[in-house]
Amino acid sequence: MRLSERPIAGVYRLKQWEDEKTYYLVGGGSSAHGEIPRHLPIVRIGWNSQYILADRRCYAAENMNGVIIIDVKAETVTGPYTEKELAAIPDVVGIRLMSPEVAWKKLRWKPPWAGA
């Protein structure tokens, strides 16, 4: 793990780009569309021990906009969902989405030798 990444849950990390204003979600996971697209910035993020919610925005591919749900244990990705669709999914209703800047401050960097 690099200094520009902080662990969230499981194999997933929040990555801060070198401009210190752009954030990406990195880690394992698969979906019908493959792994988590690394080129889409995260505008909001939230998590608990089972799920990570990541709100993505890509103006060139609006069909990829919305909140994805990552099941940390299964390493699967579903979505994107609209706010209305997300509110109807009971497992993630209590997860609060926040700006990536706030999440970055909440997450702590761990050196690779520190273990899980």
Protein backbone atom coordinates (compact mmCIF):
# COMPACT_ATOMS: atom_id res chain seq x y z
CA MET A 1 0.00 0.00 0.00
CA ARG A 2 1.28 3.44 -0.89
CA LEU A 3 1.06 6.68 1.07
CA SER A 4 -1.56 7.83 -1.44
CA GLU A 5 -3.87 4.95 -0.42
CA ARG A 6 -5.79 4.24 2.78
CA PRO A 7 -7.57 0.97 3.64
CA ILE A 8 -11.37 0.95 3.84
CA ALA A 9 -12.44 -2.68 4.30
CA GLY A 10 -11.17 -6.00 2.98
CA VAL A 11 -8.89 -5.47 -0.03
CA TYR A 12 -10.43 -2.09 -0.88
CA ARG A 13 -8.62 1.23 -0.55
CA LEU A 14 -9.31 4.90 -1.14
CA LYS A 15 -6.65 6.36 -3.44
CA GLN A 16 -5.86 10.06 -3.45
CA TRP A 17 -4.62 11.36 -6.80
CA GLU A 18 -1.56 13.61 -6.88
CA ASP A 19 -3.73 16.76 -7.17
CA GLU A 20 -5.00 15.87 -3.64
CA LYS A 21 -8.57 16.65 -4.78
CA THR A 22 -9.46 13.58 -6.85
CA TYR A 23 -10.15 10.19 -5.25
CA TYR A 24 -10.57 6.69 -6.65
CA LEU A 25 -11.64 3.37 -5.15
CA VAL A 26 -9.15 0.57 -5.78
CA GLY A 27 -9.12 -3.10 -4.88
CA GLY A 28 -10.48 -6.43 -6.01
CA GLY A 29 -14.03 -7.09 -7.05
CA SER A 30 -15.84 -8.10 -10.16
CA SER A 31 -19.13 -7.42 -11.82
CA ALA A 32 -20.84 -8.03 -15.12
CA HIS A 33 -18.65 -5.17 -16.36
CA GLY A 34 -15.39 -6.49 -14.85
CA GLU A 35 -13.41 -5.01 -11.99
CA ILE A 36 -14.08 -1.64 -10.38
CA PRO A 37 -13.38 0.95 -13.10
CA ARG A 38 -10.32 2.80 -11.85
CA HIS A 39 -10.75 5.79 -14.12
CA LEU A 40 -13.94 7.04 -12.52
CA PRO A 41 -13.57 9.55 -9.69
CA ILE A 42 -15.45 9.00 -6.44
CA VAL A 43 -17.61 11.96 -5.36
CA ARG A 44 -19.07 10.31 -2.24
CA ILE A 45 -18.22 7.16 -0.33
CA GLY A 46 -19.49 5.24 2.68
CA TRP A 47 -18.89 1.83 4.22
CA ASN A 48 -19.45 -0.67 6.98
CA SER A 49 -17.76 -4.03 7.58
CA GLN A 50 -19.82 -5.73 4.83
CA TYR A 51 -20.42 -3.09 2.12
CA ILE A 52 -18.77 -0.11 0.49
CA LEU A 53 -20.89 2.42 -1.38
CA ALA A 54 -19.11 4.57 -3.94
CA ASP A 55 -20.82 7.37 -5.86
CA ARG A 56 -19.08 7.83 -9.20
CA ARG A 57 -19.33 10.57 -11.80
CA CYS A 58 -18.14 10.33 -15.37
CA TYR A 59 -19.43 12.96 -17.74
CA ALA A 60 -18.28 11.07 -20.86
CA ALA A 61 -20.15 7.88 -19.85
CA GLU A 62 -23.25 8.91 -17.93
CA ASN A 63 -24.53 5.31 -17.88
CA MET A 64 -21.72 4.60 -15.38
CA ASN A 65 -22.82 7.36 -12.99
CA GLY A 66 -24.44 6.46 -9.71
CA VAL A 67 -23.69 4.51 -6.57
CA ILE A 68 -22.05 1.11 -6.81
CA ILE A 69 -22.30 -1.41 -4.00
CA ILE A 70 -19.31 -3.56 -3.21
CA ASP A 71 -19.80 -6.65 -1.09
CA VAL A 72 -16.45 -6.70 0.73
CA LYS A 73 -16.48 -10.39 1.62
CA ALA A 74 -17.74 -11.69 -1.74
CA GLU A 75 -15.67 -9.09 -3.65
CA THR A 76 -18.57 -8.39 -5.99
CA VAL A 77 -19.75 -5.12 -7.47
CA THR A 78 -23.36 -4.22 -8.32
CA GLY A 79 -24.87 -1.06 -9.73
CA PRO A 80 -24.71 1.73 -10.45
CA TYR A 81 -27.90 2.67 -8.62
CA THR A 82 -29.84 5.91 -8.43
CA GLU A 83 -30.56 7.42 -5.01
CA LYS A 84 -34.13 6.08 -5.20
CA GLU A 85 -32.98 2.56 -6.09
CA LEU A 86 -30.35 2.65 -3.33
CA ALA A 87 -32.95 3.63 -0.71
CA ALA A 88 -34.85 0.42 -1.51
CA ILE A 89 -31.90 -1.89 -0.68
CA PRO A 90 -32.25 -2.74 3.05
CA ASP A 91 -28.67 -3.99 3.56
CA VAL A 92 -27.16 -0.57 2.77
CA VAL A 93 -29.79 1.89 4.01
CA GLY A 94 -27.83 2.86 7.14
CA ILE A 95 -24.54 3.56 5.37
CA ARG A 96 -23.84 7.29 5.29
CA LEU A 97 -22.22 8.67 2.17
CA MET A 98 -19.62 11.41 2.70
CA SER A 99 -17.19 13.35 0.57
CA PRO A 100 -13.95 11.54 -0.18
CA GLU A 101 -12.04 14.31 1.61
CA VAL A 102 -13.92 13.57 4.84
CA ALA A 103 -13.45 9.81 4.33
CA TRP A 104 -9.72 10.32 3.74
CA LYS A 105 -9.41 12.04 7.11
CA LYS A 106 -11.36 9.23 8.86
CA LEU A 107 -9.24 6.48 7.33
CA ARG A 108 -5.76 5.80 8.66
CA TRP A 109 -2.74 4.80 6.62
CA LYS A 110 -1.24 1.48 7.69
CA PRO A 111 2.27 0.43 6.72
CA PRO A 112 2.43 -2.90 4.83
CA TRP A 113 4.34 -4.56 7.68
CA ALA A 114 1.57 -3.72 10.21
CA GLY A 115 -0.70 -6.50 8.96
CA ALA A 116 -4.49 -6.44 8.76
